[in-house]
Amino acid sequence: MLSGKVALVTGGGQGVGQGIALALARKGAKVAVVGRTVSKCDATAQLIAEIGGKALAVECDVKVLESLQLAVQATLEEFGTIDILINNAQEVPLGPLNDVSEESFEAGWQSGPLATLRLMKLCHPHLKGGGSIVNLASTAAKRWDATGYSAYAAVKEAIRALTRGAASEWAMDGIRANVVLPHAKSPGLKWWIENNPEESAAFIATIPMGRVGECEEDIGRFVATLCSEECAYVNGQSIAVDGGQAYMG
């Protein structure tokens, strides 16, 4: 399905990013696993090697432009091109507005929409002629009660807006751009469930399918399909992969 394609996945060392990287590799893509902790990226690359795939672990702080530039350069030097870009890495500013520090919000902005914009622009020349971008957002902005989640939702909604812009402006270049809004068993969600048992139980109860998704089987496989020719006419969409919990209309 993705044989001969090259993917760059940020935050690929764990959780949803790792699940996406593995799913892409199983479909035949070569994967640059990009992340701040290189040991985690190495672990993902080793898992990909064990299933017969090819991967490159790349240390990168997505909040730093020069680091992003070096990650793109390393991917090109190893694999020759970039066909698929997955912007998944994100620092999460959570809490009531009076408790969210400017430093936390700035980190959320830099690691989220700013890093997404920078990487999309850096990869644009290589994505031309059939490339696919999938950016990760959140259904946090769809919560009826935004208490404690509005700063997080704000940076994620900015990513959705940027993705729609790329889908509109770059379609003529043969580039598709879409957003996936997942619920998955990431380390971050595991921490939230453990530290907010009552709230998390109530939240999971609102998922029609009654469970949180698996990082590879539920989220990764969908993203891999979205990047394939099977979805060649899907562009500019925000798709909640969440068991039916959010209404995106």
Protein backbone atom coordinates (compact mmCIF):
# COMPACT_ATOMS: atom_id res chain seq x y z
CA MET A 1 0.00 0.00 0.00
CA LEU A 2 2.85 2.40 0.88
CA SER A 3 5.77 0.54 -0.64
CA GLY A 4 8.53 2.92 -1.68
CA LYS A 5 7.14 5.81 0.38
CA VAL A 6 9.10 7.67 3.05
CA ALA A 7 7.40 9.00 6.18
CA LEU A 8 8.59 11.44 8.82
CA VAL A 9 6.79 11.01 12.14
CA THR A 10 7.32 13.40 15.05
CA GLY A 11 6.83 12.11 18.57
CA GLY A 12 7.44 8.64 17.17
CA GLY A 13 9.17 7.26 20.24
CA GLN A 14 6.03 6.32 22.13
CA GLY A 15 2.24 6.32 22.19
CA VAL A 16 0.27 7.40 19.16
CA GLY A 17 3.38 8.42 17.24
CA GLN A 18 4.91 5.00 17.72
CA GLY A 19 1.65 3.34 16.71
CA ILE A 20 1.52 5.39 13.52
CA ALA A 21 5.18 4.70 12.72
CA LEU A 22 4.65 0.95 13.11
CA ALA A 23 1.48 0.96 11.02
CA LEU A 24 3.17 2.91 8.23
CA ALA A 25 6.10 0.50 8.27
CA ARG A 26 3.80 -2.52 8.09
CA LYS A 27 2.31 -1.01 4.93
CA GLY A 28 5.76 -0.73 3.38
CA ALA A 29 6.87 2.82 4.17
CA LYS A 30 10.36 3.71 5.34
CA VAL A 31 10.05 5.77 8.51
CA ALA A 32 12.09 8.55 10.09
CA VAL A 33 11.18 8.29 13.78
CA VAL A 34 11.67 11.79 15.16
CA GLY A 35 11.61 12.71 18.81
CA ARG A 36 13.22 14.54 21.70
CA THR A 37 14.39 11.36 23.45
CA VAL A 38 16.54 9.47 20.98
CA SER A 39 16.51 6.25 23.03
CA LYS A 40 12.75 6.04 22.58
CA CYS A 41 13.10 6.68 18.85
CA ASP A 42 15.74 3.96 18.70
CA ALA A 43 13.30 1.56 20.40
CA THR A 44 10.62 2.30 17.81
CA ALA A 45 13.14 1.91 14.99
CA GLN A 46 14.15 -1.47 16.43
CA LEU A 47 10.50 -2.59 16.51
CA ILE A 48 10.19 -1.58 12.86
CA ALA A 49 13.34 -3.52 12.00
CA GLU A 50 11.92 -6.58 13.74
CA ILE A 51 8.90 -6.57 11.41
CA GLY A 52 11.16 -6.26 8.39
CA GLY A 53 10.85 -2.51 7.89
CA LYS A 54 13.41 0.27 7.54
CA ALA A 55 13.60 3.14 10.00
CA LEU A 56 15.87 5.95 11.09
CA ALA A 57 15.86 7.35 14.62
CA VAL A 58 16.32 11.12 14.65
CA GLU A 59 16.79 13.21 17.79
CA CYS A 60 14.86 16.46 17.47
CA ASP A 61 13.35 19.18 19.63
CA VAL A 62 10.35 20.27 17.58
CA LYS A 63 10.30 23.64 19.36
CA VAL A 64 13.60 24.59 17.72
CA LEU A 65 13.66 25.51 14.02
CA GLU A 66 17.25 24.42 13.52
CA SER A 67 16.47 21.03 15.04
CA LEU A 68 13.55 20.56 12.65
CA GLN A 69 15.77 21.53 9.72
CA LEU A 70 18.35 18.95 10.75
CA ALA A 71 15.66 16.26 11.12
CA VAL A 72 14.41 16.89 7.59
CA GLN A 73 17.99 16.91 6.30
CA ALA A 74 18.79 13.61 8.05
CA THR A 75 15.67 12.01 6.58
CA LEU A 76 16.55 13.17 3.07
CA GLU A 77 20.14 11.99 3.41
CA GLU A 78 19.02 8.54 4.54
CA PHE A 79 15.98 7.94 2.33
CA GLY A 80 16.20 10.53 -0.46
CA THR A 81 12.75 12.07 -0.12
CA ILE A 82 9.73 12.63 2.13
CA ASP A 83 6.29 11.49 0.93
CA ILE A 84 4.38 11.48 4.20
CA LEU A 85 4.55 13.96 7.10
CA ILE A 86 2.96 13.15 10.45
CA ASN A 87 2.95 16.03 12.97
CA ASN A 88 2.22 14.28 16.24
CA ALA A 89 4.58 15.69 18.89
CA GLN A 90 2.93 18.08 21.34
CA GLU A 91 3.55 19.49 24.80
CA VAL A 92 0.19 19.84 26.52
CA PRO A 93 -0.84 22.98 28.45
CA LEU A 94 -3.56 21.79 30.83
CA GLY A 95 -5.40 23.39 33.73
CA PRO A 96 -7.74 26.27 34.51
CA LEU A 97 -6.82 29.48 32.72
CA ASN A 98 -5.60 31.17 35.89
CA ASP A 99 -3.24 28.24 36.48
CA VAL A 100 -1.83 27.88 32.97
CA SER A 101 1.51 29.68 32.90
CA GLU A 102 2.66 31.63 29.91
CA GLU A 103 5.64 29.29 29.72
CA SER A 104 3.37 26.25 29.49
CA PHE A 105 1.16 27.83 26.86
CA GLU A 106 4.19 29.00 24.89
CA ALA A 107 5.59 25.46 24.94
CA GLY A 108 2.25 24.16 23.69
CA TRP A 109 2.26 26.73 20.90
CA GLN A 110 5.87 26.10 19.90
CA SER A 111 5.59 22.29 19.92
CA GLY A 112 2.15 22.29 18.30
CA PRO A 113 1.04 24.80 15.65
CA LEU A 114 4.42 26.50 15.18
CA ALA A 115 6.29 23.20 14.76
CA THR A 116 3.51 21.95 12.48
CA LEU A 117 3.72 25.01 10.25
CA ARG A 118 7.50 24.89 10.15
CA LEU A 119 7.67 21.22 9.23
CA MET A 120 4.94 21.50 6.61
CA LYS A 121 6.88 24.32 4.94
CA LEU A 122 10.21 22.48 5.22
CA CYS A 123 8.72 19.32 3.68
CA HIS A 124 6.57 21.06 1.06
CA PRO A 125 9.13 20.84 -1.80
CA HIS A 126 9.52 17.10 -1.24
CA LEU A 127 5.81 16.34 -0.78
CA LYS A 128 4.88 17.79 -4.17
CA GLY A 129 3.35 15.37 -6.63
CA GLY A 130 1.49 12.99 -4.33
CA GLY A 131 2.51 13.70 -0.75
CA SER A 132 0.28 13.43 2.29
CA ILE A 133 0.25 15.38 5.55
CA VAL A 134 -1.58 14.16 8.63
CA ASN A 135 -1.59 16.46 11.63
CA LEU A 136 -2.78 15.37 15.06
CA ALA A 137 -5.34 17.47 16.91
CA SER A 138 -7.80 16.84 19.74
CA THR A 139 -11.52 16.71 20.39
CA ALA A 140 -10.87 18.77 23.55
CA ALA A 141 -12.39 21.77 21.75
CA LYS A 142 -15.63 19.79 21.36
CA ARG A 143 -16.12 19.38 25.12
CA TRP A 144 -19.26 21.16 26.32
CA ASP A 145 -17.38 22.08 29.50
CA ALA A 146 -13.94 23.43 28.53
CA THR A 147 -12.82 23.87 32.15
CA GLY A 148 -9.17 22.94 32.37
CA TYR A 149 -8.83 22.17 28.66
CA SER A 150 -9.18 25.45 26.79
CA ALA A 151 -5.44 26.20 26.49
CA TYR A 152 -4.83 22.71 25.11
CA ALA A 153 -7.81 23.03 22.77
CA ALA A 154 -6.54 26.41 21.56
CA VAL A 155 -3.21 25.09 20.29
CA LYS A 156 -4.86 22.05 18.75
CA GLU A 157 -7.50 24.14 16.98
CA ALA A 158 -4.71 26.27 15.51
CA ILE A 159 -3.28 23.08 14.00
CA ARG A 160 -6.64 22.33 12.41
CA ALA A 161 -6.75 25.80 10.86
CA LEU A 162 -3.24 25.47 9.46
CA THR A 163 -4.07 22.06 8.03
CA ARG A 164 -7.12 23.43 6.26
CA GLY A 165 -4.92 26.15 4.79
CA ALA A 166 -2.39 23.62 3.51
CA ALA A 167 -5.19 21.50 2.03
CA SER A 168 -6.57 24.51 0.19
CA GLU A 169 -3.31 26.08 -0.98
CA TRP A 170 -1.22 23.01 -1.75
CA ALA A 171 -3.74 20.72 -3.44
CA MET A 172 -2.57 22.16 -6.77
CA ASP A 173 0.89 20.83 -5.88
CA GLY A 174 -0.49 17.34 -5.41
CA ILE A 175 -0.34 17.49 -1.62
CA ARG A 176 -3.18 16.41 0.64
CA ALA A 177 -3.48 17.55 4.26
CA ASN A 178 -5.84 16.13 6.86
CA VAL A 179 -6.31 16.07 10.62
CA VAL A 180 -6.87 13.09 12.88
CA LEU A 181 -8.29 13.62 16.36
CA PRO A 182 -7.66 10.40 18.29
CA HIS A 183 -8.49 8.78 21.59
CA ALA A 184 -5.68 6.32 22.25
CA LYS A 185 -3.81 4.60 25.05
CA SER A 186 -0.87 6.99 24.99
CA PRO A 187 1.37 7.55 28.04
CA GLY A 188 -0.26 10.95 28.46
CA LEU A 189 -3.77 9.52 28.53
CA LYS A 190 -2.66 6.74 30.88
CA TRP A 191 -1.30 9.40 33.26
CA TRP A 192 -4.56 11.35 33.04
CA ILE A 193 -6.67 8.27 33.76
CA GLU A 194 -4.54 7.32 36.75
CA ASN A 195 -4.60 10.85 38.17
CA ASN A 196 -8.24 11.66 37.39
CA PRO A 197 -10.08 8.37 37.94
CA GLU A 198 -13.59 9.76 38.35
CA GLU A 199 -13.36 12.22 35.46
CA SER A 200 -11.73 9.69 33.16
CA ALA A 201 -14.30 7.01 33.96
CA ALA A 202 -17.10 9.46 33.16
CA PHE A 203 -15.34 10.44 29.95
CA ILE A 204 -14.81 6.86 28.77
CA ALA A 205 -18.47 6.19 29.50
CA THR A 206 -19.37 8.76 26.83
CA ILE A 207 -17.51 6.78 24.13
CA PRO A 208 -20.19 4.75 22.32
CA MET A 209 -17.76 1.89 21.72
CA GLY A 210 -16.92 1.87 25.42
CA ARG A 211 -13.15 1.85 25.15
CA VAL A 212 -10.08 3.94 24.38
CA GLY A 213 -8.36 3.11 21.10
CA GLU A 214 -5.12 1.19 20.59
CA CYS A 215 -2.22 3.29 19.33
CA GLU A 216 -1.33 1.09 16.37
CA GLU A 217 -4.38 -1.03 15.64
CA ASP A 218 -6.97 1.73 15.87
CA ILE A 219 -5.12 4.98 15.20
CA GLY A 220 -2.00 3.95 13.28
CA ARG A 221 -3.79 1.75 10.77
CA PHE A 222 -6.30 4.47 10.00
CA VAL A 223 -3.57 7.05 9.47
CA ALA A 224 -1.68 4.66 7.18
CA THR A 225 -4.83 4.16 5.11
CA LEU A 226 -5.44 7.91 5.00
CA CYS A 227 -1.94 8.38 3.55
CA SER A 228 -2.51 5.80 0.82
CA GLU A 229 -3.96 6.03 -2.68
CA GLU A 230 -7.15 4.51 -1.31
CA CYS A 231 -7.88 7.94 0.18
CA ALA A 232 -6.55 10.01 -2.71
CA TYR A 233 -9.63 12.27 -2.77
CA VAL A 234 -9.72 12.95 0.98
CA ASN A 235 -8.32 16.42 1.68
CA GLY A 236 -8.80 19.14 4.28
CA GLN A 237 -10.78 16.94 6.65
CA SER A 238 -10.79 16.65 10.43
CA ILE A 239 -11.59 13.07 11.36
CA ALA A 240 -12.21 11.97 14.94
CA VAL A 241 -10.90 8.44 15.48
CA ASP A 242 -12.48 8.12 18.89
CA GLY A 243 -15.07 5.37 18.93
CA GLY A 244 -17.86 7.83 18.11
CA GLN A 245 -17.45 10.13 21.13
CA ALA A 246 -17.16 13.51 19.38
CA TYR A 247 -19.54 15.09 16.90
CA MET A 248 -17.45 16.95 14.32
CA GLY A 249 -20.31 18.65 12.50
